[in-house]
Amino acid sequence: MGKFKFTDTGIEGMFLVEPTVFGDDRGYFMETYNEAEFRENGHLLNFVQDNQSKSRRGVLRGLHLQVNHPQGKLVRVISGEVFDVGVDLRKGSPTLGKWFGAVLSAENKKQLFIPEGFAHGFVVLSDTAEFVYKCTRLYDPTDELGIRYDDPDIAVAWPDPGAPILLSEKDKVQPSFKEVCAKLGL
């Protein structure tokens, strides 16, 4: 038996990962990534950067993407709970503009792989959440683009976090999905 359960999301390249958790009255142990096992399941990934953030209830980060140096991201939550979303922005993709979202939490220990060429975002559903992710490319702040989190053409079904949505100044003025598609030639 493998240490991970991989579940298809219906969008090519994007998948959920559920680690096997070994626990007893002392606590638990789990692997969060194993290159050989991911490769054996058809997921050949090369991670070069790890990131971590902490946010309070209602904080919505996204939807963000890197244009010329796209990042694949293996995301998970180590404290609290978020609703995490990836939106397909790959040129010629049959699922262009489609999204998939999942609740990730410290309790369920699920992870989501967001492929290169996707916009990514999450909203915090708990009082606070610590979010960690591995990236396939280094972050380049000059290469970032975003899409409005509430764009009606994408229509992400964000759950109610139980508090007002809190956006960064940058995320308050992101362009629409149609504007981003025009800019990227999609």
N, C-alpha and C. Protein backbone atom coordinates (compact mmCIF):
# COMPACT_ATOMS: atom_id res chain seq x y z
N MET A 1 0.84 -1.19 0.00
CA MET A 1 0.00 0.00 0.00
C MET A 1 0.88 1.24 0.00
N GLY A 2 0.49 2.22 -0.82
CA GLY A 2 1.24 3.47 -0.88
C GLY A 2 0.96 4.36 0.31
N LYS A 3 1.81 5.35 0.46
CA LYS A 3 1.66 6.29 1.57
C LYS A 3 0.70 7.43 1.24
N PHE A 4 0.26 7.49 -0.03
CA PHE A 4 -0.61 8.58 -0.47
C PHE A 4 -1.76 8.04 -1.31
N LYS A 5 -2.92 8.69 -1.18
CA LYS A 5 -4.05 8.43 -2.07
C LYS A 5 -4.14 9.65 -2.99
N PHE A 6 -4.11 9.41 -4.28
CA PHE A 6 -4.20 10.48 -5.28
C PHE A 6 -5.59 10.44 -5.90
N THR A 7 -6.28 11.59 -5.91
CA THR A 7 -7.63 11.67 -6.46
C THR A 7 -7.68 12.71 -7.55
N ASP A 8 -8.18 12.31 -8.71
CA ASP A 8 -8.34 13.21 -9.85
C ASP A 8 -9.43 14.24 -9.55
N THR A 9 -9.23 15.48 -10.02
CA THR A 9 -10.20 16.55 -9.79
C THR A 9 -11.11 16.80 -10.98
N GLY A 10 -10.86 16.12 -12.10
CA GLY A 10 -11.62 16.39 -13.31
C GLY A 10 -10.96 17.44 -14.19
N ILE A 11 -9.86 18.02 -13.72
CA ILE A 11 -9.08 18.97 -14.51
C ILE A 11 -7.68 18.37 -14.65
N GLU A 12 -7.28 18.13 -15.89
CA GLU A 12 -6.01 17.45 -16.15
C GLU A 12 -4.84 18.11 -15.40
N GLY A 13 -4.07 17.28 -14.71
CA GLY A 13 -2.89 17.75 -14.01
C GLY A 13 -3.13 18.20 -12.58
N MET A 14 -4.38 18.44 -12.22
CA MET A 14 -4.71 18.91 -10.87
C MET A 14 -5.25 17.72 -10.08
N PHE A 15 -4.71 17.51 -8.86
CA PHE A 15 -5.14 16.36 -8.09
C PHE A 15 -5.06 16.63 -6.60
N LEU A 16 -5.90 15.89 -5.86
CA LEU A 16 -5.88 15.91 -4.40
C LEU A 16 -4.95 14.81 -3.91
N VAL A 17 -4.30 15.06 -2.80
CA VAL A 17 -3.39 14.09 -2.18
C VAL A 17 -3.82 13.90 -0.73
N GLU A 18 -4.01 12.64 -0.34
CA GLU A 18 -4.32 12.34 1.05
C GLU A 18 -3.21 11.44 1.58
N PRO A 19 -2.42 11.95 2.51
CA PRO A 19 -1.34 11.14 3.07
C PRO A 19 -1.88 10.10 4.05
N THR A 20 -1.14 9.02 4.19
CA THR A 20 -1.45 8.05 5.23
C THR A 20 -0.91 8.61 6.54
N VAL A 21 -1.77 8.66 7.55
CA VAL A 21 -1.40 9.22 8.85
C VAL A 21 -1.27 8.06 9.84
N PHE A 22 -0.12 7.98 10.47
CA PHE A 22 0.14 6.97 11.48
C PHE A 22 0.02 7.66 12.84
N GLY A 23 -1.00 7.28 13.61
CA GLY A 23 -1.22 7.96 14.87
C GLY A 23 -1.46 7.01 16.02
N ASP A 24 -1.19 7.49 17.20
CA ASP A 24 -1.50 6.78 18.43
C ASP A 24 -1.68 7.83 19.52
N ASP A 25 -1.69 7.40 20.78
CA ASP A 25 -1.95 8.33 21.87
C ASP A 25 -0.85 9.37 22.05
N ARG A 26 0.28 9.20 21.38
CA ARG A 26 1.38 10.17 21.46
C ARG A 26 1.23 11.30 20.44
N GLY A 27 0.45 11.06 19.38
CA GLY A 27 0.32 12.03 18.30
C GLY A 27 0.26 11.31 16.96
N TYR A 28 0.90 11.87 15.95
CA TYR A 28 0.86 11.26 14.63
C TYR A 28 2.15 11.54 13.87
N PHE A 29 2.32 10.76 12.77
CA PHE A 29 3.42 10.95 11.82
C PHE A 29 2.85 10.74 10.43
N MET A 30 3.34 11.54 9.47
CA MET A 30 2.95 11.34 8.07
C MET A 30 4.03 11.93 7.18
N GLU A 31 4.15 11.37 6.00
CA GLU A 31 4.97 11.99 4.97
C GLU A 31 4.07 12.94 4.21
N THR A 32 4.60 14.12 3.88
CA THR A 32 3.81 15.08 3.11
C THR A 32 4.20 15.08 1.64
N TYR A 33 5.36 14.52 1.34
CA TYR A 33 5.80 14.40 -0.05
C TYR A 33 6.86 13.31 -0.12
N ASN A 34 6.79 12.50 -1.17
CA ASN A 34 7.77 11.46 -1.42
C ASN A 34 7.95 11.40 -2.93
N GLU A 35 9.09 11.86 -3.42
CA GLU A 35 9.31 11.97 -4.86
C GLU A 35 9.07 10.65 -5.58
N ALA A 36 9.59 9.54 -5.04
CA ALA A 36 9.45 8.25 -5.71
C ALA A 36 7.98 7.84 -5.82
N GLU A 37 7.22 8.02 -4.76
CA GLU A 37 5.82 7.60 -4.79
C GLU A 37 4.99 8.51 -5.71
N PHE A 38 5.25 9.81 -5.68
CA PHE A 38 4.56 10.71 -6.61
C PHE A 38 4.87 10.30 -8.05
N ARG A 39 6.16 10.04 -8.34
CA ARG A 39 6.57 9.65 -9.70
C ARG A 39 5.88 8.36 -10.11
N GLU A 40 5.85 7.36 -9.21
CA GLU A 40 5.20 6.07 -9.51
C GLU A 40 3.73 6.25 -9.85
N ASN A 41 3.11 7.33 -9.37
CA ASN A 41 1.71 7.60 -9.65
C ASN A 41 1.53 8.61 -10.78
N GLY A 42 2.59 8.84 -11.56
CA GLY A 42 2.51 9.69 -12.75
C GLY A 42 2.69 11.17 -12.50
N HIS A 43 3.20 11.54 -11.34
CA HIS A 43 3.36 12.95 -11.00
C HIS A 43 4.84 13.28 -10.81
N LEU A 44 5.50 13.61 -11.91
CA LEU A 44 6.92 13.95 -11.88
C LEU A 44 7.06 15.44 -11.61
N LEU A 45 7.43 15.77 -10.39
CA LEU A 45 7.49 17.16 -9.95
C LEU A 45 8.88 17.49 -9.43
N ASN A 46 9.28 18.74 -9.62
CA ASN A 46 10.56 19.20 -9.10
C ASN A 46 10.31 20.48 -8.32
N PHE A 47 10.40 20.41 -7.00
CA PHE A 47 10.12 21.58 -6.17
C PHE A 47 11.41 22.33 -5.85
N VAL A 48 11.34 23.68 -5.92
CA VAL A 48 12.52 24.52 -5.72
C VAL A 48 12.32 25.58 -4.63
N GLN A 49 11.10 25.72 -4.12
CA GLN A 49 10.83 26.77 -3.12
C GLN A 49 9.67 26.32 -2.25
N ASP A 50 9.78 26.59 -0.94
CA ASP A 50 8.69 26.36 0.00
C ASP A 50 8.25 27.70 0.57
N ASN A 51 6.94 27.89 0.74
CA ASN A 51 6.37 29.13 1.28
C ASN A 51 5.41 28.80 2.42
N GLN A 52 5.22 29.78 3.31
CA GLN A 52 4.27 29.64 4.40
C GLN A 52 3.64 30.99 4.68
N SER A 53 2.33 30.97 4.95
CA SER A 53 1.64 32.21 5.33
C SER A 53 0.69 31.90 6.48
N LYS A 54 0.37 32.96 7.22
CA LYS A 54 -0.64 32.86 8.27
C LYS A 54 -1.64 33.98 8.02
N SER A 55 -2.92 33.65 8.10
CA SER A 55 -3.97 34.62 7.84
C SER A 55 -5.12 34.40 8.80
N ARG A 56 -5.94 35.43 8.96
CA ARG A 56 -7.10 35.33 9.85
C ARG A 56 -8.36 35.06 9.03
N ARG A 57 -9.42 34.73 9.75
CA ARG A 57 -10.71 34.39 9.13
C ARG A 57 -11.13 35.49 8.13
N GLY A 58 -11.59 35.05 6.97
CA GLY A 58 -12.09 35.96 5.95
C GLY A 58 -11.03 36.46 4.98
N VAL A 59 -9.75 36.27 5.29
CA VAL A 59 -8.71 36.69 4.35
C VAL A 59 -8.81 35.82 3.10
N LEU A 60 -8.87 36.49 1.96
CA LEU A 60 -8.89 35.79 0.68
C LEU A 60 -7.65 36.25 -0.09
N ARG A 61 -6.80 35.30 -0.41
CA ARG A 61 -5.58 35.58 -1.17
C ARG A 61 -5.76 34.97 -2.56
N GLY A 62 -5.73 35.82 -3.58
CA GLY A 62 -5.86 35.31 -4.94
C GLY A 62 -6.94 36.06 -5.69
N LEU A 63 -7.08 35.66 -6.87
CA LEU A 63 -6.49 34.54 -7.61
C LEU A 63 -5.21 35.02 -8.30
N HIS A 64 -4.09 34.34 -8.08
CA HIS A 64 -2.78 34.78 -8.57
C HIS A 64 -2.16 33.74 -9.49
N LEU A 65 -1.34 34.22 -10.42
CA LEU A 65 -0.55 33.32 -11.26
C LEU A 65 0.72 34.02 -11.71
N GLN A 66 1.70 33.21 -12.08
CA GLN A 66 2.93 33.69 -12.70
C GLN A 66 2.76 33.44 -14.20
N VAL A 67 3.06 34.42 -15.03
CA VAL A 67 2.78 34.33 -16.47
C VAL A 67 3.89 33.62 -17.23
N ASN A 68 5.11 34.14 -17.18
CA ASN A 68 6.22 33.60 -17.97
C ASN A 68 7.00 32.52 -17.24
N HIS A 69 6.86 32.47 -15.95
CA HIS A 69 7.55 31.48 -15.11
C HIS A 69 6.52 30.82 -14.19
N PRO A 70 5.55 30.10 -14.79
CA PRO A 70 4.44 29.57 -14.00
C PRO A 70 4.91 28.59 -12.93
N GLN A 71 4.24 28.65 -11.80
CA GLN A 71 4.55 27.78 -10.67
C GLN A 71 3.49 26.71 -10.49
N GLY A 72 3.92 25.46 -10.36
CA GLY A 72 3.06 24.42 -9.84
C GLY A 72 3.17 24.49 -8.33
N LYS A 73 2.08 24.20 -7.62
CA LYS A 73 2.09 24.32 -6.16
C LYS A 73 1.42 23.11 -5.52
N LEU A 74 2.11 22.52 -4.56
CA LEU A 74 1.52 21.49 -3.71
C LEU A 74 1.20 22.16 -2.39
N VAL A 75 -0.10 22.38 -2.14
CA VAL A 75 -0.53 23.22 -1.02
C VAL A 75 -1.20 22.39 0.08
N ARG A 76 -1.02 22.86 1.33
CA ARG A 76 -1.65 22.20 2.47
C ARG A 76 -1.76 23.19 3.63
N VAL A 77 -2.54 22.82 4.61
CA VAL A 77 -2.77 23.66 5.79
C VAL A 77 -2.22 22.93 7.01
N ILE A 78 -1.44 23.64 7.83
CA ILE A 78 -0.88 23.01 9.03
C ILE A 78 -1.56 23.48 10.30
N SER A 79 -2.39 24.52 10.20
CA SER A 79 -3.16 25.00 11.33
C SER A 79 -4.40 25.68 10.78
N GLY A 80 -5.59 25.27 11.25
CA GLY A 80 -6.82 25.90 10.78
C GLY A 80 -7.40 25.23 9.55
N GLU A 81 -8.16 26.05 8.77
CA GLU A 81 -8.91 25.52 7.62
C GLU A 81 -9.07 26.59 6.56
N VAL A 82 -8.92 26.21 5.29
CA VAL A 82 -9.13 27.11 4.17
C VAL A 82 -9.94 26.40 3.09
N PHE A 83 -10.52 27.19 2.21
CA PHE A 83 -11.08 26.68 0.96
C PHE A 83 -10.10 27.11 -0.11
N ASP A 84 -9.49 26.14 -0.79
CA ASP A 84 -8.43 26.39 -1.75
C ASP A 84 -8.93 26.14 -3.17
N VAL A 85 -8.51 27.01 -4.11
CA VAL A 85 -9.04 26.98 -5.48
C VAL A 85 -7.92 27.11 -6.50
N GLY A 86 -8.04 26.33 -7.57
CA GLY A 86 -7.20 26.49 -8.75
C GLY A 86 -8.08 26.69 -9.96
N VAL A 87 -7.67 27.62 -10.85
CA VAL A 87 -8.43 27.93 -12.08
C VAL A 87 -7.52 27.68 -13.27
N ASP A 88 -7.97 26.86 -14.21
CA ASP A 88 -7.18 26.51 -15.38
C ASP A 88 -7.08 27.69 -16.34
N LEU A 89 -5.86 28.13 -16.61
CA LEU A 89 -5.60 29.22 -17.56
C LEU A 89 -4.60 28.78 -18.63
N ARG A 90 -4.55 27.49 -18.91
CA ARG A 90 -3.61 26.97 -19.91
C ARG A 90 -4.19 27.14 -21.32
N LYS A 91 -3.38 27.74 -22.18
CA LYS A 91 -3.80 27.98 -23.56
C LYS A 91 -4.14 26.65 -24.23
N GLY A 92 -5.31 26.59 -24.85
CA GLY A 92 -5.75 25.40 -25.56
C GLY A 92 -6.31 24.30 -24.68
N SER A 93 -6.39 24.52 -23.39
CA SER A 93 -6.90 23.50 -22.48
C SER A 93 -8.41 23.35 -22.66
N PRO A 94 -8.91 22.11 -22.68
CA PRO A 94 -10.37 21.91 -22.77
C PRO A 94 -11.10 22.37 -21.51
N THR A 95 -10.36 22.61 -20.43
CA THR A 95 -10.99 23.06 -19.19
C THR A 95 -10.58 24.50 -18.86
N LEU A 96 -10.21 25.27 -19.87
CA LEU A 96 -9.85 26.68 -19.68
C LEU A 96 -10.98 27.41 -18.94
N GLY A 97 -10.62 28.08 -17.86
CA GLY A 97 -11.60 28.83 -17.08
C GLY A 97 -12.35 28.01 -16.05
N LYS A 98 -12.14 26.71 -16.04
CA LYS A 98 -12.80 25.86 -15.04
C LYS A 98 -11.99 25.89 -13.75
N TRP A 99 -12.68 25.71 -12.64
CA TRP A 99 -12.02 25.74 -11.34
C TRP A 99 -12.36 24.48 -10.56
N PHE A 100 -11.50 24.20 -9.61
CA PHE A 100 -11.75 23.14 -8.64
C PHE A 100 -11.36 23.70 -7.29
N GLY A 101 -12.15 23.40 -6.28
CA GLY A 101 -11.85 23.85 -4.93
C GLY A 101 -12.05 22.74 -3.93
N ALA A 102 -11.31 22.83 -2.83
CA ALA A 102 -11.41 21.83 -1.77
C ALA A 102 -11.10 22.48 -0.43
N VAL A 103 -11.73 21.95 0.61
CA VAL A 103 -11.40 22.37 1.96
C VAL A 103 -10.13 21.62 2.37
N LEU A 104 -9.13 22.38 2.75
CA LEU A 104 -7.88 21.84 3.27
C LEU A 104 -7.77 22.27 4.72
N SER A 105 -7.42 21.35 5.59
CA SER A 105 -7.34 21.71 7.00
C SER A 105 -6.24 20.92 7.70
N ALA A 106 -5.86 21.41 8.86
CA ALA A 106 -4.91 20.68 9.70
C ALA A 106 -5.51 19.34 10.09
N GLU A 107 -6.83 19.30 10.23
CA GLU A 107 -7.50 18.07 10.64
C GLU A 107 -7.54 17.03 9.52
N ASN A 108 -7.95 17.44 8.29
CA ASN A 108 -8.09 16.44 7.22
C ASN A 108 -6.76 16.14 6.51
N LYS A 109 -5.78 17.00 6.66
CA LYS A 109 -4.42 16.82 6.14
C LYS A 109 -4.36 16.63 4.62
N LYS A 110 -5.43 16.98 3.92
CA LYS A 110 -5.43 16.88 2.45
C LYS A 110 -4.52 17.94 1.87
N GLN A 111 -3.99 17.63 0.69
CA GLN A 111 -3.17 18.56 -0.08
C GLN A 111 -3.78 18.67 -1.48
N LEU A 112 -3.50 19.77 -2.15
CA LEU A 112 -3.98 19.96 -3.51
C LEU A 112 -2.80 20.37 -4.36
N PHE A 113 -2.65 19.71 -5.52
CA PHE A 113 -1.62 20.13 -6.46
C PHE A 113 -2.26 21.01 -7.51
N ILE A 114 -1.74 22.25 -7.61
CA ILE A 114 -2.18 23.23 -8.60
C ILE A 114 -1.10 23.25 -9.69
N PRO A 115 -1.40 22.83 -10.91
CA PRO A 115 -0.36 22.77 -11.96
C PRO A 115 0.09 24.15 -12.44
N GLU A 116 1.22 24.17 -13.12
CA GLU A 116 1.69 25.38 -13.78
C GLU A 116 0.62 25.81 -14.78
N GLY A 117 0.42 27.13 -14.90
CA GLY A 117 -0.58 27.65 -15.82
C GLY A 117 -1.96 27.84 -15.19
N PHE A 118 -2.04 27.71 -13.87
CA PHE A 118 -3.29 27.89 -13.15
C PHE A 118 -3.21 29.14 -12.28
N ALA A 119 -4.34 29.81 -12.09
CA ALA A 119 -4.45 30.83 -11.07
C ALA A 119 -4.80 30.11 -9.77
N HIS A 120 -4.37 30.67 -8.65
CA HIS A 120 -4.56 30.01 -7.37
C HIS A 120 -5.02 31.02 -6.32
N GLY A 121 -5.88 30.57 -5.41
CA GLY A 121 -6.31 31.41 -4.31
C GLY A 121 -6.94 30.58 -3.21
N PHE A 122 -7.11 31.21 -2.05
CA PHE A 122 -7.78 30.54 -0.94
C PHE A 122 -8.42 31.57 -0.03
N VAL A 123 -9.44 31.11 0.71
CA VAL A 123 -10.08 31.93 1.73
C VAL A 123 -10.00 31.17 3.05
N VAL A 124 -9.73 31.89 4.14
CA VAL A 124 -9.58 31.28 5.46
C VAL A 124 -10.95 31.13 6.11
N LEU A 125 -11.25 29.90 6.54
CA LEU A 125 -12.54 29.56 7.13
C LEU A 125 -12.50 29.45 8.66
N SER A 126 -11.31 29.35 9.23
CA SER A 126 -11.14 29.23 10.68
C SER A 126 -10.67 30.57 11.25
N ASP A 127 -10.55 30.66 12.57
CA ASP A 127 -10.10 31.92 13.18
C ASP A 127 -8.78 32.38 12.59
N THR A 128 -7.84 31.45 12.44
CA THR A 128 -6.58 31.69 11.73
C THR A 128 -6.23 30.42 10.98
N ALA A 129 -5.33 30.54 10.02
CA ALA A 129 -4.85 29.37 9.29
C ALA A 129 -3.41 29.60 8.87
N GLU A 130 -2.62 28.54 8.98
CA GLU A 130 -1.26 28.56 8.45
C GLU A 130 -1.25 27.66 7.23
N PHE A 131 -0.78 28.23 6.13
CA PHE A 131 -0.84 27.63 4.81
C PHE A 131 0.59 27.45 4.32
N VAL A 132 0.93 26.25 3.87
CA VAL A 132 2.28 25.99 3.36
C VAL A 132 2.20 25.37 1.98
N TYR A 133 3.20 25.68 1.15
CA TYR A 133 3.19 25.08 -0.17
C TYR A 133 4.59 25.02 -0.77
N LYS A 134 4.74 23.97 -1.59
CA LYS A 134 5.96 23.74 -2.33
C LYS A 134 5.72 24.26 -3.75
N CYS A 135 6.73 24.88 -4.36
CA CYS A 135 6.60 25.46 -5.70
C CYS A 135 7.59 24.83 -6.67
N THR A 136 7.18 24.68 -7.92
CA THR A 136 8.04 24.10 -8.94
C THR A 136 8.98 25.13 -9.57
N ARG A 137 8.73 26.41 -9.33
CA ARG A 137 9.62 27.48 -9.82
C ARG A 137 9.73 28.56 -8.76
N LEU A 138 10.79 29.33 -8.85
CA LEU A 138 10.98 30.44 -7.92
C LEU A 138 9.99 31.55 -8.24
N TYR A 139 9.53 32.23 -7.21
CA TYR A 139 8.61 33.35 -7.36
C TYR A 139 9.33 34.55 -7.98
N ASP A 140 8.67 35.19 -8.93
CA ASP A 140 9.18 36.40 -9.57
C ASP A 140 8.11 37.47 -9.46
N PRO A 141 8.28 38.46 -8.58
CA PRO A 141 7.23 39.47 -8.38
C PRO A 141 6.93 40.30 -9.62
N THR A 142 7.83 40.35 -10.58
CA THR A 142 7.58 41.11 -11.81
C THR A 142 6.76 40.32 -12.82
N ASP A 143 6.48 39.05 -12.52
CA ASP A 143 5.80 38.16 -13.46
C ASP A 143 4.39 37.81 -13.00
N GLU A 144 3.91 38.45 -11.94
CA GLU A 144 2.62 38.08 -11.37
C GLU A 144 1.45 38.76 -12.06
N LEU A 145 0.36 38.03 -12.15
CA LEU A 145 -0.90 38.53 -12.70
C LEU A 145 -2.00 37.98 -11.81
N GLY A 146 -3.12 38.65 -11.77
CA GLY A 146 -4.24 38.18 -10.96
C GLY A 146 -5.55 38.32 -11.68
N ILE A 147 -6.56 37.69 -11.11
CA ILE A 147 -7.94 37.75 -11.60
C ILE A 147 -8.83 38.03 -10.39
N ARG A 148 -9.87 38.81 -10.60
CA ARG A 148 -10.82 39.07 -9.52
C ARG A 148 -11.33 37.74 -8.96
N TYR A 149 -11.33 37.65 -7.64
CA TYR A 149 -11.78 36.41 -6.99
C TYR A 149 -13.26 36.14 -7.24
N ASP A 150 -14.04 37.21 -7.47
CA ASP A 150 -15.49 37.09 -7.64
C ASP A 150 -15.94 37.26 -9.09
N ASP A 151 -15.03 36.97 -10.02
CA ASP A 151 -15.37 37.14 -11.44
C ASP A 151 -16.54 36.23 -11.82
N PRO A 152 -17.60 36.78 -12.42
CA PRO A 152 -18.79 35.97 -12.73
C PRO A 152 -18.55 34.94 -13.84
N ASP A 153 -17.56 35.15 -14.70
CA ASP A 153 -17.30 34.18 -15.75
C ASP A 153 -16.63 32.92 -15.23
N ILE A 154 -15.93 33.04 -14.11
CA ILE A 154 -15.34 31.86 -13.47
C ILE A 154 -16.33 31.30 -12.45
N ALA A 155 -16.96 32.18 -11.69
CA ALA A 155 -18.02 31.84 -10.72
C ALA A 155 -17.58 30.81 -9.69
N VAL A 156 -16.45 31.08 -9.04
CA VAL A 156 -16.03 30.21 -7.94
C VAL A 156 -17.08 30.28 -6.84
N ALA A 157 -17.48 29.13 -6.33
CA ALA A 157 -18.47 29.06 -5.25
C ALA A 157 -17.73 29.12 -3.91
N TRP A 158 -17.22 30.31 -3.59
CA TRP A 158 -16.51 30.51 -2.33
C TRP A 158 -17.48 30.30 -1.17
N PRO A 159 -17.11 29.51 -0.17
CA PRO A 159 -17.99 29.37 0.99
C PRO A 159 -17.93 30.63 1.85
N ASP A 160 -18.96 30.83 2.64
CA ASP A 160 -19.01 31.96 3.57
C ASP A 160 -18.03 31.68 4.71
N PRO A 161 -17.01 32.52 4.87
CA PRO A 161 -16.04 32.27 5.95
C PRO A 161 -16.55 32.67 7.33
N GLY A 162 -17.73 33.25 7.41
CA GLY A 162 -18.25 33.69 8.70
C GLY A 162 -17.70 35.02 9.14
N ALA A 163 -17.12 35.76 8.21
CA ALA A 163 -16.57 37.09 8.47
C ALA A 163 -16.49 37.79 7.13
N PRO A 164 -16.37 39.13 7.12
CA PRO A 164 -16.22 39.82 5.85
C PRO A 164 -14.96 39.36 5.11
N ILE A 165 -15.04 39.34 3.78
CA ILE A 165 -13.87 39.01 2.96
C ILE A 165 -12.86 40.14 3.09
N LEU A 166 -11.61 39.78 3.36
CA LEU A 166 -10.51 40.75 3.49
C LEU A 166 -9.53 40.52 2.34
N LEU A 167 -9.36 41.56 1.52
CA LEU A 167 -8.47 41.49 0.36
C LEU A 167 -7.31 42.44 0.52
N SER A 168 -6.18 42.11 -0.10
CA SER A 168 -5.06 43.05 -0.18
C SER A 168 -5.46 44.18 -1.13
N GLU A 169 -4.75 45.29 -1.06
CA GLU A 169 -5.03 46.39 -1.99
C GLU A 169 -4.88 45.92 -3.43
N LYS A 170 -3.90 45.08 -3.69
CA LYS A 170 -3.66 44.54 -5.03
C LYS A 170 -4.86 43.70 -5.50
N ASP A 171 -5.39 42.86 -4.60
CA ASP A 171 -6.49 41.98 -4.99
C ASP A 171 -7.81 42.72 -5.15
N LYS A 172 -7.94 43.91 -4.58
CA LYS A 172 -9.15 44.70 -4.75
C LYS A 172 -9.31 45.23 -6.17
N VAL A 173 -8.22 45.30 -6.93
CA VAL A 173 -8.27 45.91 -8.27
C VAL A 173 -7.80 44.95 -9.37
N GLN A 174 -7.90 43.65 -9.13
CA GLN A 174 -7.49 42.69 -10.15
C GLN A 174 -8.42 42.76 -11.36
N PRO A 175 -7.90 42.45 -12.55
CA PRO A 175 -8.73 42.47 -13.76
C PRO A 175 -9.69 41.28 -13.82
N SER A 176 -10.59 41.35 -14.77
CA SER A 176 -11.56 40.27 -14.97
C SER A 176 -10.92 39.10 -15.70
N PHE A 177 -11.60 37.97 -15.68
CA PHE A 177 -11.16 36.79 -16.40
C PHE A 177 -11.03 37.11 -17.90
N LYS A 178 -12.01 37.80 -18.47
CA LYS A 178 -11.96 38.14 -19.90
C LYS A 178 -10.76 39.04 -20.22
N GLU A 179 -10.46 40.00 -19.34
CA GLU A 179 -9.30 40.87 -19.55
C GLU A 179 -8.00 40.08 -19.49
N VAL A 180 -7.89 39.16 -18.55
CA VAL A 180 -6.69 38.34 -18.44
C VAL A 180 -6.55 37.43 -19.67
N CYS A 181 -7.65 36.83 -20.10
CA CYS A 181 -7.61 35.98 -21.31
C CYS A 181 -7.14 36.77 -22.52
N ALA A 182 -7.63 38.00 -22.67
CA ALA A 182 -7.21 38.84 -23.79
C ALA A 182 -5.70 39.16 -23.69
N LYS A 183 -5.26 39.49 -22.50
CA LYS A 183 -3.84 39.82 -22.29
C LYS A 183 -2.95 38.63 -22.59
N LEU A 184 -3.38 37.42 -22.23
CA LEU A 184 -2.58 36.22 -22.42
C LEU A 184 -2.80 35.56 -23.77
N GLY A 185 -3.72 36.07 -24.57
CA GLY A 185 -4.02 35.47 -25.86
C GLY A 185 -4.72 34.13 -25.75
N LEU A 186 -5.58 34.01 -24.76
CA LEU A 186 -6.31 32.77 -24.56
C LEU A 186 -7.65 32.86 -25.27
